[in-house]
Amino acid sequence: MTLKLVIFDCDGVMFDSKFANQTYYNQLLEHFGYPQMDAEELEYVHIHNVKESTSHIFRHYPEQDLQAVDRYREETGYAPFLKFMNMEEDLIEFLEFCKPQYQLAISTNRTNTMEPILDIFKLGHYFCKVMTAENAKRPKPAPDALLEILDYCQCHADEAIYIGDSIIDREHSAACNMRLIGFKNDELPAEYHVNSFMEICDLPPFSRT
């Protein structure tokens, strides 16, 4: 089938956001008097949605009221941490390559931070559909967000491809039989692997113009 739709994950794909996420979640822990995350916790929060991540990093502190954490989190917001996000240097070039040929969409486990990111980095006009852990029926790895994107774009799964970097992304795409491009993760089970966006242009599903 001809490729018609390219879907992006956000963290670890469009942006190197690990330091931003590390700073954000460590700040939550510090505010309530707990030590910083360890390496395992950092990897966890980098690929899971905010509710799951908050529960995970506070799991050793049963005395802590998670509703209080959520209130503080919502009051603080993620905006102060956006400055720590680094956009992939060839993302714009790749989006410009794709835009005339393919529909573009996002499926991410971010929640209400995705729209501000797109606004700040002036990326919103590239994407016809943006699905998050907030507006999907179920967050990744459930297939709901991808299925809604496919329906919106009137495409079949074999007419689309997903760009992700984690096992959550593999499970997400596999749940609806969609091909996956593993981004900067050669160990991820995927149909293709790349270390930059412009490498994608030479993959078999794509065609340079």
N, C-alpha and C. Protein backbone atom coordinates (compact mmCIF):
# COMPACT_ATOMS: atom_id res chain seq x y z
N MET A 1 0.84 -1.20 0.00
CA MET A 1 0.00 0.00 0.00
C MET A 1 0.88 1.26 0.00
N THR A 2 0.41 2.29 -0.66
CA THR A 2 1.13 3.55 -0.71
C THR A 2 1.09 4.26 0.63
N LEU A 3 2.23 4.79 1.06
CA LEU A 3 2.28 5.53 2.31
C LEU A 3 1.53 6.85 2.17
N LYS A 4 0.63 7.11 3.11
CA LYS A 4 -0.17 8.33 3.08
C LYS A 4 -0.06 9.15 4.37
N LEU A 5 0.40 8.52 5.46
CA LEU A 5 0.32 9.16 6.77
C LEU A 5 1.56 8.84 7.58
N VAL A 6 2.18 9.88 8.15
CA VAL A 6 3.35 9.72 9.02
C VAL A 6 2.99 10.27 10.40
N ILE A 7 3.18 9.43 11.42
CA ILE A 7 2.78 9.79 12.78
C ILE A 7 4.02 9.83 13.68
N PHE A 8 4.13 10.85 14.48
CA PHE A 8 5.31 11.10 15.31
C PHE A 8 5.00 10.92 16.79
N ASP A 9 5.93 10.31 17.51
CA ASP A 9 5.98 10.46 18.96
C ASP A 9 6.65 11.81 19.23
N CYS A 10 6.51 12.31 20.45
CA CYS A 10 7.14 13.59 20.78
C CYS A 10 8.48 13.40 21.48
N ASP A 11 8.44 12.91 22.72
CA ASP A 11 9.65 12.82 23.54
C ASP A 11 10.58 11.72 23.03
N GLY A 12 11.83 12.10 22.81
CA GLY A 12 12.80 11.16 22.30
C GLY A 12 12.79 11.05 20.79
N VAL A 13 11.86 11.72 20.15
CA VAL A 13 11.77 11.69 18.68
C VAL A 13 11.83 13.12 18.16
N MET A 14 10.74 13.87 18.27
CA MET A 14 10.76 15.26 17.83
C MET A 14 11.70 16.10 18.70
N PHE A 15 11.75 15.75 19.98
CA PHE A 15 12.55 16.52 20.93
C PHE A 15 13.38 15.60 21.82
N ASP A 16 14.56 16.04 22.14
CA ASP A 16 15.33 15.45 23.23
C ASP A 16 14.84 16.15 24.48
N SER A 17 13.98 15.47 25.21
CA SER A 17 13.32 16.12 26.35
C SER A 17 13.66 15.43 27.66
N LYS A 18 14.64 14.55 27.66
CA LYS A 18 14.93 13.79 28.88
C LYS A 18 15.35 14.72 30.02
N PHE A 19 16.18 15.71 29.73
CA PHE A 19 16.62 16.62 30.79
C PHE A 19 15.44 17.45 31.31
N ALA A 20 14.55 17.86 30.40
CA ALA A 20 13.37 18.61 30.82
C ALA A 20 12.50 17.77 31.74
N ASN A 21 12.28 16.51 31.36
CA ASN A 21 11.47 15.62 32.19
C ASN A 21 12.16 15.33 33.53
N GLN A 22 13.47 15.15 33.48
CA GLN A 22 14.22 14.90 34.71
C GLN A 22 14.08 16.08 35.67
N THR A 23 14.24 17.30 35.15
CA THR A 23 14.13 18.50 35.97
C THR A 23 12.73 18.66 36.54
N TYR A 24 11.73 18.39 35.71
CA TYR A 24 10.33 18.54 36.12
C TYR A 24 9.97 17.59 37.25
N TYR A 25 10.25 16.31 37.08
CA TYR A 25 9.84 15.32 38.09
C TYR A 25 10.70 15.41 39.35
N ASN A 26 11.97 15.76 39.20
CA ASN A 26 12.79 15.95 40.39
C ASN A 26 12.31 17.15 41.21
N GLN A 27 11.80 18.16 40.52
CA GLN A 27 11.27 19.33 41.21
C GLN A 27 10.03 18.96 42.03
N LEU A 28 9.19 18.07 41.47
CA LEU A 28 8.03 17.59 42.22
C LEU A 28 8.47 16.87 43.50
N LEU A 29 9.43 15.98 43.34
CA LEU A 29 9.93 15.23 44.50
C LEU A 29 10.54 16.17 45.55
N GLU A 30 11.34 17.10 45.08
CA GLU A 30 12.01 18.03 45.99
C GLU A 30 11.00 18.86 46.77
N HIS A 31 9.95 19.31 46.08
CA HIS A 31 8.94 20.14 46.74
C HIS A 31 8.31 19.43 47.93
N PHE A 32 8.14 18.11 47.82
CA PHE A 32 7.51 17.35 48.90
C PHE A 32 8.53 16.68 49.81
N GLY A 33 9.82 17.04 49.63
CA GLY A 33 10.84 16.61 50.57
C GLY A 33 11.43 15.24 50.33
N TYR A 34 11.39 14.77 49.05
CA TYR A 34 11.90 13.45 48.74
C TYR A 34 13.13 13.55 47.84
N PRO A 35 13.97 12.50 47.83
CA PRO A 35 15.19 12.54 47.00
C PRO A 35 14.86 12.45 45.51
N GLN A 36 15.86 12.77 44.72
CA GLN A 36 15.69 12.78 43.26
C GLN A 36 15.50 11.37 42.72
N MET A 37 15.02 11.29 41.50
CA MET A 37 14.81 10.02 40.83
C MET A 37 16.13 9.29 40.60
N ASP A 38 16.04 7.96 40.57
CA ASP A 38 17.20 7.18 40.15
C ASP A 38 17.12 6.96 38.63
N ALA A 39 18.08 6.25 38.08
CA ALA A 39 18.16 6.08 36.62
C ALA A 39 16.95 5.33 36.07
N GLU A 40 16.48 4.32 36.82
CA GLU A 40 15.32 3.56 36.36
C GLU A 40 14.08 4.43 36.31
N GLU A 41 13.91 5.26 37.32
CA GLU A 41 12.74 6.13 37.37
C GLU A 41 12.77 7.16 36.25
N LEU A 42 13.95 7.66 35.93
CA LEU A 42 14.08 8.61 34.83
C LEU A 42 13.64 7.97 33.52
N GLU A 43 14.07 6.75 33.28
CA GLU A 43 13.67 6.06 32.05
C GLU A 43 12.17 5.84 32.03
N TYR A 44 11.59 5.54 33.18
CA TYR A 44 10.15 5.30 33.26
C TYR A 44 9.36 6.56 32.91
N VAL A 45 9.69 7.67 33.56
CA VAL A 45 8.90 8.89 33.34
C VAL A 45 9.09 9.43 31.92
N HIS A 46 10.18 9.05 31.28
CA HIS A 46 10.44 9.55 29.94
C HIS A 46 9.49 8.96 28.89
N ILE A 47 8.90 7.80 29.19
CA ILE A 47 8.06 7.15 28.18
C ILE A 47 6.61 6.94 28.63
N HIS A 48 6.29 7.27 29.89
CA HIS A 48 4.93 7.08 30.38
C HIS A 48 4.23 8.42 30.57
N ASN A 49 2.90 8.36 30.67
CA ASN A 49 2.15 9.60 30.85
C ASN A 49 2.32 10.13 32.28
N VAL A 50 1.88 11.35 32.49
CA VAL A 50 2.20 12.05 33.75
C VAL A 50 1.55 11.39 34.96
N LYS A 51 0.34 10.86 34.81
CA LYS A 51 -0.32 10.20 35.93
C LYS A 51 0.46 8.95 36.35
N GLU A 52 0.81 8.13 35.37
CA GLU A 52 1.58 6.92 35.66
C GLU A 52 2.94 7.28 36.24
N SER A 53 3.56 8.30 35.69
CA SER A 53 4.90 8.70 36.14
C SER A 53 4.87 9.20 37.57
N THR A 54 3.89 10.03 37.90
CA THR A 54 3.79 10.56 39.25
C THR A 54 3.58 9.43 40.26
N SER A 55 2.68 8.51 39.93
CA SER A 55 2.45 7.37 40.82
C SER A 55 3.71 6.55 41.00
N HIS A 56 4.48 6.41 39.93
CA HIS A 56 5.68 5.58 39.98
C HIS A 56 6.76 6.20 40.87
N ILE A 57 7.01 7.48 40.70
CA ILE A 57 8.12 8.08 41.45
C ILE A 57 7.77 8.31 42.93
N PHE A 58 6.46 8.31 43.24
CA PHE A 58 6.05 8.46 44.64
C PHE A 58 5.64 7.12 45.27
N ARG A 59 5.90 6.01 44.58
CA ARG A 59 5.41 4.71 45.05
C ARG A 59 6.03 4.28 46.38
N HIS A 60 7.22 4.77 46.68
CA HIS A 60 7.89 4.40 47.94
C HIS A 60 7.46 5.27 49.12
N TYR A 61 6.55 6.21 48.85
CA TYR A 61 6.16 7.16 49.90
C TYR A 61 4.64 7.10 50.10
N PRO A 62 4.14 5.99 50.67
CA PRO A 62 2.68 5.82 50.81
C PRO A 62 2.03 6.88 51.68
N GLU A 63 2.83 7.56 52.49
CA GLU A 63 2.28 8.60 53.33
C GLU A 63 1.92 9.87 52.53
N GLN A 64 2.44 9.96 51.31
CA GLN A 64 2.23 11.16 50.50
C GLN A 64 0.87 11.12 49.81
N ASP A 65 0.11 12.16 49.98
CA ASP A 65 -1.19 12.32 49.31
C ASP A 65 -0.94 12.68 47.85
N LEU A 66 -1.26 11.76 46.94
CA LEU A 66 -1.00 12.02 45.52
C LEU A 66 -1.93 13.10 44.96
N GLN A 67 -3.07 13.30 45.58
CA GLN A 67 -3.94 14.40 45.14
C GLN A 67 -3.27 15.74 45.38
N ALA A 68 -2.53 15.83 46.48
CA ALA A 68 -1.78 17.06 46.76
C ALA A 68 -0.67 17.25 45.73
N VAL A 69 -0.05 16.16 45.33
CA VAL A 69 0.98 16.23 44.29
C VAL A 69 0.36 16.71 42.99
N ASP A 70 -0.81 16.16 42.63
CA ASP A 70 -1.47 16.55 41.39
C ASP A 70 -1.88 18.03 41.43
N ARG A 71 -2.34 18.49 42.57
CA ARG A 71 -2.72 19.91 42.68
C ARG A 71 -1.50 20.80 42.47
N TYR A 72 -0.42 20.45 43.13
CA TYR A 72 0.80 21.25 42.97
C TYR A 72 1.30 21.19 41.53
N ARG A 73 1.25 20.00 40.94
CA ARG A 73 1.70 19.83 39.56
C ARG A 73 0.88 20.72 38.60
N GLU A 74 -0.42 20.74 38.81
CA GLU A 74 -1.28 21.54 37.94
C GLU A 74 -1.07 23.03 38.16
N GLU A 75 -0.79 23.41 39.39
CA GLU A 75 -0.53 24.84 39.70
C GLU A 75 0.79 25.29 39.07
N THR A 76 1.79 24.42 39.13
CA THR A 76 3.12 24.77 38.63
C THR A 76 3.16 24.75 37.11
N GLY A 77 2.56 23.70 36.52
CA GLY A 77 2.58 23.56 35.07
C GLY A 77 3.94 23.11 34.55
N TYR A 78 3.98 22.86 33.28
CA TYR A 78 5.23 22.38 32.65
C TYR A 78 5.96 23.50 31.92
N ALA A 79 5.29 24.64 31.76
CA ALA A 79 5.86 25.73 30.97
C ALA A 79 7.27 26.13 31.38
N PRO A 80 7.59 26.20 32.69
CA PRO A 80 8.96 26.61 33.06
C PRO A 80 10.05 25.63 32.61
N PHE A 81 9.63 24.42 32.21
CA PHE A 81 10.60 23.39 31.86
C PHE A 81 10.76 23.21 30.34
N LEU A 82 9.93 23.92 29.57
CA LEU A 82 10.00 23.80 28.12
C LEU A 82 11.34 24.30 27.57
N LYS A 83 11.96 25.23 28.29
CA LYS A 83 13.24 25.77 27.83
C LYS A 83 14.34 24.71 27.83
N PHE A 84 14.11 23.61 28.52
CA PHE A 84 15.11 22.55 28.57
C PHE A 84 14.93 21.52 27.45
N MET A 85 13.91 21.71 26.60
CA MET A 85 13.66 20.78 25.50
C MET A 85 14.48 21.20 24.28
N ASN A 86 15.07 20.23 23.62
CA ASN A 86 15.87 20.50 22.42
C ASN A 86 15.24 19.82 21.21
N MET A 87 14.82 20.62 20.25
CA MET A 87 14.22 20.07 19.04
C MET A 87 15.30 19.42 18.17
N GLU A 88 14.98 18.28 17.58
CA GLU A 88 15.92 17.62 16.67
C GLU A 88 16.27 18.59 15.53
N GLU A 89 17.55 18.68 15.21
CA GLU A 89 18.01 19.74 14.31
C GLU A 89 17.46 19.62 12.90
N ASP A 90 17.12 18.39 12.46
CA ASP A 90 16.60 18.25 11.09
C ASP A 90 15.10 17.98 11.07
N LEU A 91 14.41 18.22 12.18
CA LEU A 91 12.96 17.98 12.21
C LEU A 91 12.23 18.86 11.20
N ILE A 92 12.52 20.15 11.19
CA ILE A 92 11.83 21.07 10.28
C ILE A 92 12.08 20.67 8.82
N GLU A 93 13.31 20.34 8.51
CA GLU A 93 13.64 19.92 7.15
C GLU A 93 12.83 18.69 6.74
N PHE A 94 12.70 17.74 7.67
CA PHE A 94 11.94 16.54 7.38
C PHE A 94 10.44 16.84 7.25
N LEU A 95 9.92 17.70 8.11
CA LEU A 95 8.51 18.08 8.00
C LEU A 95 8.23 18.77 6.68
N GLU A 96 9.15 19.61 6.24
CA GLU A 96 8.99 20.29 4.95
C GLU A 96 9.03 19.28 3.80
N PHE A 97 9.85 18.24 3.94
CA PHE A 97 9.90 17.18 2.93
C PHE A 97 8.58 16.41 2.89
N CYS A 98 8.04 16.13 4.06
CA CYS A 98 6.85 15.28 4.15
C CYS A 98 5.55 16.01 3.80
N LYS A 99 5.45 17.27 4.16
CA LYS A 99 4.17 17.98 4.13
C LYS A 99 3.47 17.91 2.76
N PRO A 100 4.18 18.07 1.64
CA PRO A 100 3.46 18.02 0.36
C PRO A 100 2.97 16.63 -0.03
N GLN A 101 3.53 15.59 0.60
CA GLN A 101 3.26 14.23 0.16
C GLN A 101 2.38 13.41 1.11
N TYR A 102 2.47 13.71 2.41
CA TYR A 102 1.83 12.87 3.41
C TYR A 102 1.04 13.71 4.41
N GLN A 103 0.02 13.11 4.98
CA GLN A 103 -0.61 13.70 6.14
C GLN A 103 0.30 13.44 7.34
N LEU A 104 0.33 14.40 8.27
CA LEU A 104 1.21 14.29 9.43
C LEU A 104 0.39 14.39 10.71
N ALA A 105 0.75 13.58 11.70
CA ALA A 105 0.02 13.57 12.96
C ALA A 105 0.98 13.25 14.11
N ILE A 106 0.50 13.42 15.32
CA ILE A 106 1.28 13.13 16.53
C ILE A 106 0.48 12.22 17.44
N SER A 107 1.14 11.22 18.01
CA SER A 107 0.56 10.42 19.09
C SER A 107 1.58 10.37 20.21
N THR A 108 1.24 10.97 21.33
CA THR A 108 2.18 11.12 22.44
C THR A 108 1.49 10.85 23.77
N ASN A 109 2.26 10.48 24.77
CA ASN A 109 1.71 10.34 26.11
C ASN A 109 1.81 11.62 26.92
N ARG A 110 2.22 12.71 26.29
CA ARG A 110 2.08 14.01 26.95
C ARG A 110 0.60 14.32 27.11
N THR A 111 0.30 15.27 27.98
CA THR A 111 -1.09 15.65 28.18
C THR A 111 -1.29 17.09 27.69
N ASN A 112 -1.50 18.04 28.61
CA ASN A 112 -1.79 19.42 28.20
C ASN A 112 -0.54 20.22 27.87
N THR A 113 0.62 19.57 27.81
CA THR A 113 1.85 20.29 27.45
C THR A 113 2.14 20.24 25.96
N MET A 114 1.45 19.38 25.23
CA MET A 114 1.78 19.23 23.81
C MET A 114 1.43 20.47 23.00
N GLU A 115 0.29 21.05 23.25
CA GLU A 115 -0.12 22.25 22.50
C GLU A 115 0.83 23.42 22.73
N PRO A 116 1.21 23.72 23.99
CA PRO A 116 2.19 24.80 24.19
C PRO A 116 3.52 24.53 23.49
N ILE A 117 3.95 23.29 23.46
CA ILE A 117 5.20 22.95 22.77
C ILE A 117 5.09 23.27 21.29
N LEU A 118 3.99 22.86 20.68
CA LEU A 118 3.79 23.15 19.25
C LEU A 118 3.72 24.64 18.99
N ASP A 119 3.12 25.40 19.91
CA ASP A 119 3.03 26.85 19.75
C ASP A 119 4.41 27.50 19.87
N ILE A 120 5.14 27.12 20.91
CA ILE A 120 6.44 27.74 21.17
C ILE A 120 7.41 27.49 20.03
N PHE A 121 7.40 26.27 19.51
CA PHE A 121 8.35 25.91 18.45
C PHE A 121 7.75 26.10 17.05
N LYS A 122 6.53 26.65 16.99
CA LYS A 122 5.87 26.98 15.71
C LYS A 122 5.78 25.77 14.79
N LEU A 123 5.24 24.69 15.33
CA LEU A 123 5.12 23.44 14.58
C LEU A 123 3.67 23.03 14.31
N GLY A 124 2.72 23.70 14.95
CA GLY A 124 1.34 23.25 14.90
C GLY A 124 0.77 23.11 13.51
N HIS A 125 1.16 23.98 12.58
CA HIS A 125 0.56 23.97 11.25
C HIS A 125 0.94 22.76 10.42
N TYR A 126 1.94 22.02 10.86
CA TYR A 126 2.35 20.83 10.11
C TYR A 126 1.42 19.64 10.34
N PHE A 127 0.70 19.63 11.45
CA PHE A 127 0.01 18.42 11.87
C PHE A 127 -1.50 18.56 11.78
N CYS A 128 -2.13 17.58 11.15
CA CYS A 128 -3.59 17.62 10.99
C CYS A 128 -4.31 17.05 12.20
N LYS A 129 -3.62 16.25 13.01
CA LYS A 129 -4.25 15.63 14.18
C LYS A 129 -3.19 15.40 15.25
N VAL A 130 -3.51 15.78 16.49
CA VAL A 130 -2.59 15.61 17.61
C VAL A 130 -3.32 14.87 18.72
N MET A 131 -2.86 13.67 19.03
CA MET A 131 -3.46 12.86 20.07
C MET A 131 -2.51 12.76 21.26
N THR A 132 -3.07 12.91 22.46
CA THR A 132 -2.28 12.88 23.69
C THR A 132 -2.92 11.92 24.68
N ALA A 133 -2.27 11.74 25.82
CA ALA A 133 -2.86 10.93 26.88
C ALA A 133 -4.10 11.59 27.46
N GLU A 134 -4.30 12.85 27.15
CA GLU A 134 -5.46 13.59 27.66
C GLU A 134 -6.68 13.43 26.77
N ASN A 135 -6.49 13.41 25.45
CA ASN A 135 -7.67 13.34 24.58
C ASN A 135 -7.90 11.97 23.96
N ALA A 136 -7.00 11.02 24.18
CA ALA A 136 -7.23 9.65 23.72
C ALA A 136 -8.09 8.90 24.75
N LYS A 137 -8.85 7.93 24.28
CA LYS A 137 -9.67 7.14 25.20
C LYS A 137 -8.78 6.43 26.22
N ARG A 138 -7.68 5.87 25.74
CA ARG A 138 -6.68 5.26 26.61
C ARG A 138 -5.31 5.70 26.12
N PRO A 139 -4.36 5.94 27.02
CA PRO A 139 -3.02 6.37 26.60
C PRO A 139 -2.23 5.22 25.99
N LYS A 140 -1.10 5.56 25.37
CA LYS A 140 -0.19 4.52 24.90
C LYS A 140 0.20 3.62 26.07
N PRO A 141 0.38 2.32 25.85
CA PRO A 141 0.50 1.64 24.56
C PRO A 141 -0.80 1.18 23.92
N ALA A 142 -1.94 1.46 24.53
CA ALA A 142 -3.22 1.13 23.88
C ALA A 142 -3.26 1.79 22.50
N PRO A 143 -3.92 1.18 21.52
CA PRO A 143 -3.90 1.70 20.15
C PRO A 143 -4.88 2.84 19.88
N ASP A 144 -5.64 3.26 20.88
CA ASP A 144 -6.75 4.19 20.66
C ASP A 144 -6.36 5.45 19.89
N ALA A 145 -5.24 6.06 20.27
CA ALA A 145 -4.83 7.32 19.62
C ALA A 145 -4.53 7.08 18.14
N LEU A 146 -3.82 6.01 17.84
CA LEU A 146 -3.50 5.71 16.43
C LEU A 146 -4.76 5.39 15.64
N LEU A 147 -5.68 4.67 16.24
CA LEU A 147 -6.92 4.34 15.54
C LEU A 147 -7.74 5.59 15.25
N GLU A 148 -7.73 6.54 16.20
CA GLU A 148 -8.47 7.79 15.96
C GLU A 148 -7.81 8.61 14.86
N ILE A 149 -6.48 8.61 14.83
CA ILE A 149 -5.76 9.32 13.77
C ILE A 149 -6.06 8.68 12.42
N LEU A 150 -6.02 7.35 12.35
CA LEU A 150 -6.32 6.65 11.10
C LEU A 150 -7.73 6.99 10.62
N ASP A 151 -8.68 7.01 11.54
CA ASP A 151 -10.06 7.32 11.17
C ASP A 151 -10.17 8.77 10.67
N TYR A 152 -9.53 9.69 11.38
CA TYR A 152 -9.57 11.10 10.99
C TYR A 152 -8.96 11.31 9.61
N CYS A 153 -7.86 10.62 9.35
CA CYS A 153 -7.13 10.79 8.08
C CYS A 153 -7.64 9.86 6.98
N GLN A 154 -8.63 9.03 7.32
CA GLN A 154 -9.22 8.09 6.37
C GLN A 154 -8.15 7.21 5.73
N CYS A 155 -7.32 6.62 6.58
CA CYS A 155 -6.24 5.75 6.14
C CYS A 155 -6.34 4.40 6.83
N HIS A 156 -5.79 3.38 6.19
CA HIS A 156 -5.62 2.08 6.80
C HIS A 156 -4.25 2.03 7.48
N ALA A 157 -4.08 1.10 8.42
CA ALA A 157 -2.83 1.01 9.16
C ALA A 157 -1.63 0.77 8.25
N ASP A 158 -1.83 0.01 7.16
CA ASP A 158 -0.69 -0.25 6.27
C ASP A 158 -0.39 0.91 5.33
N GLU A 159 -1.17 1.99 5.44
CA GLU A 159 -0.89 3.22 4.69
C GLU A 159 -0.20 4.26 5.59
N ALA A 160 0.12 3.85 6.81
CA ALA A 160 0.71 4.77 7.79
C ALA A 160 1.98 4.17 8.36
N ILE A 161 2.77 5.03 9.00
CA ILE A 161 3.97 4.59 9.69
C ILE A 161 4.17 5.47 10.92
N TYR A 162 4.67 4.86 11.99
CA TYR A 162 4.84 5.58 13.26
C TYR A 162 6.33 5.70 13.56
N ILE A 163 6.75 6.85 14.04
CA ILE A 163 8.14 7.09 14.42
C ILE A 163 8.21 7.17 15.93
N GLY A 164 8.89 6.20 16.55
CA GLY A 164 8.98 6.15 18.01
C GLY A 164 10.34 5.70 18.46
N ASP A 165 10.54 5.73 19.79
CA ASP A 165 11.87 5.41 20.31
C ASP A 165 11.87 4.45 21.48
N SER A 166 10.69 3.95 21.88
CA SER A 166 10.62 3.14 23.09
C SER A 166 9.77 1.90 22.88
N ILE A 167 9.85 0.97 23.83
CA ILE A 167 9.05 -0.25 23.75
C ILE A 167 7.57 0.08 23.84
N ILE A 168 7.22 1.17 24.52
CA ILE A 168 5.82 1.63 24.55
C ILE A 168 5.35 1.94 23.13
N ASP A 169 6.22 2.55 22.34
CA ASP A 169 5.87 2.89 20.95
C ASP A 169 5.73 1.63 20.10
N ARG A 170 6.58 0.64 20.36
CA ARG A 170 6.46 -0.63 19.64
C ARG A 170 5.12 -1.30 19.95
N GLU A 171 4.76 -1.34 21.21
CA GLU A 171 3.49 -1.93 21.61
C GLU A 171 2.31 -1.14 21.04
N HIS A 172 2.46 0.17 21.03
CA HIS A 172 1.43 1.08 20.52
C HIS A 172 1.16 0.82 19.04
N SER A 173 2.20 0.78 18.24
CA SER A 173 2.03 0.57 16.80
C SER A 173 1.63 -0.87 16.48
N ALA A 174 2.21 -1.83 17.20
CA ALA A 174 1.89 -3.23 16.95
C ALA A 174 0.42 -3.54 17.25
N ALA A 175 -0.15 -2.80 18.20
CA ALA A 175 -1.54 -3.05 18.58
C ALA A 175 -2.52 -2.79 17.45
N CYS A 176 -2.10 -2.03 16.45
CA CYS A 176 -2.96 -1.83 15.28
C CYS A 176 -2.24 -2.20 13.99
N ASN A 177 -1.21 -3.04 14.12
CA ASN A 177 -0.48 -3.57 12.95
C ASN A 177 0.11 -2.46 12.07
N MET A 178 0.68 -1.45 12.72
CA MET A 178 1.31 -0.36 11.99
C MET A 178 2.82 -0.51 12.04
N ARG A 179 3.47 -0.17 10.95
CA ARG A 179 4.93 -0.22 10.90
C ARG A 179 5.54 0.85 11.81
N LEU A 180 6.73 0.52 12.33
CA LEU A 180 7.42 1.43 13.24
C LEU A 180 8.81 1.74 12.74
N ILE A 181 9.17 3.01 12.80
CA ILE A 181 10.56 3.44 12.59
C ILE A 181 11.16 3.68 13.97
N GLY A 182 12.19 2.92 14.33
CA GLY A 182 12.87 3.10 15.60
C GLY A 182 13.84 4.26 15.51
N PHE A 183 13.61 5.30 16.31
CA PHE A 183 14.40 6.54 16.22
C PHE A 183 15.47 6.53 17.28
N LYS A 184 16.73 6.52 16.86
CA LYS A 184 17.89 6.56 17.76
C LYS A 184 17.84 5.45 18.81
N ASN A 185 17.34 4.30 18.42
CA ASN A 185 17.29 3.14 19.33
C ASN A 185 17.39 1.88 18.49
N ASP A 186 18.61 1.45 18.21
CA ASP A 186 18.83 0.29 17.35
C ASP A 186 18.38 -1.01 17.99
N GLU A 187 18.19 -1.02 19.31
CA GLU A 187 17.77 -2.23 19.99
C GLU A 187 16.26 -2.41 20.02
N LEU A 188 15.53 -1.39 19.60
CA LEU A 188 14.07 -1.46 19.60
C LEU A 188 13.58 -2.32 18.44
N PRO A 189 12.72 -3.30 18.70
CA PRO A 189 12.14 -4.08 17.60
C PRO A 189 11.32 -3.16 16.69
N ALA A 190 11.75 -3.01 15.46
CA ALA A 190 11.08 -2.09 14.54
C ALA A 190 11.39 -2.52 13.11
N GLU A 191 10.53 -2.10 12.19
CA GLU A 191 10.75 -2.43 10.79
C GLU A 191 11.95 -1.68 10.21
N TYR A 192 12.20 -0.49 10.73
CA TYR A 192 13.32 0.33 10.25
C TYR A 192 13.97 1.02 11.45
N HIS A 193 15.23 1.42 11.28
CA HIS A 193 15.96 2.15 12.32
C HIS A 193 16.70 3.32 11.68
N VAL A 194 16.65 4.48 12.34
CA VAL A 194 17.37 5.66 11.87
C VAL A 194 17.94 6.39 13.06
N ASN A 195 18.91 7.26 12.79
CA ASN A 195 19.50 8.11 13.83
C ASN A 195 19.27 9.59 13.55
N SER A 196 18.55 9.89 12.48
CA SER A 196 18.18 11.27 12.18
C SER A 196 16.94 11.25 11.30
N PHE A 197 16.25 12.37 11.24
CA PHE A 197 15.02 12.42 10.45
C PHE A 197 15.27 12.29 8.95
N MET A 198 16.29 12.94 8.45
CA MET A 198 16.48 12.94 7.00
C MET A 198 16.88 11.56 6.47
N GLU A 199 17.38 10.68 7.34
CA GLU A 199 17.62 9.30 6.93
C GLU A 199 16.31 8.61 6.52
N ILE A 200 15.21 9.05 7.11
CA ILE A 200 13.91 8.43 6.84
C ILE A 200 13.53 8.57 5.37
N CYS A 201 13.96 9.66 4.75
CA CYS A 201 13.59 9.93 3.36
C CYS A 201 14.04 8.82 2.41
N ASP A 202 15.07 8.07 2.78
CA ASP A 202 15.61 7.03 1.91
C ASP A 202 15.10 5.64 2.27
N LEU A 203 14.20 5.54 3.25
CA LEU A 203 13.62 4.25 3.58
C LEU A 203 12.63 3.82 2.49
N PRO A 204 12.45 2.51 2.30
CA PRO A 204 11.58 2.02 1.21
C PRO A 204 10.18 2.60 1.17
N PRO A 205 9.50 2.85 2.31
CA PRO A 205 8.14 3.40 2.18
C PRO A 205 8.09 4.84 1.66
N PHE A 206 9.23 5.53 1.69
CA PHE A 206 9.27 6.94 1.32
C PHE A 206 9.86 7.10 -0.08
N SER A 207 9.62 8.23 -0.67
CA SER A 207 10.22 8.51 -1.98
C SER A 207 10.64 9.96 -2.01
N ARG A 208 11.92 10.18 -2.29
CA ARG A 208 12.40 11.56 -2.41
C ARG A 208 11.82 12.21 -3.66
N THR A 209 11.62 13.52 -3.57
CA THR A 209 11.14 14.25 -4.74
C THR A 209 12.20 15.24 -5.19
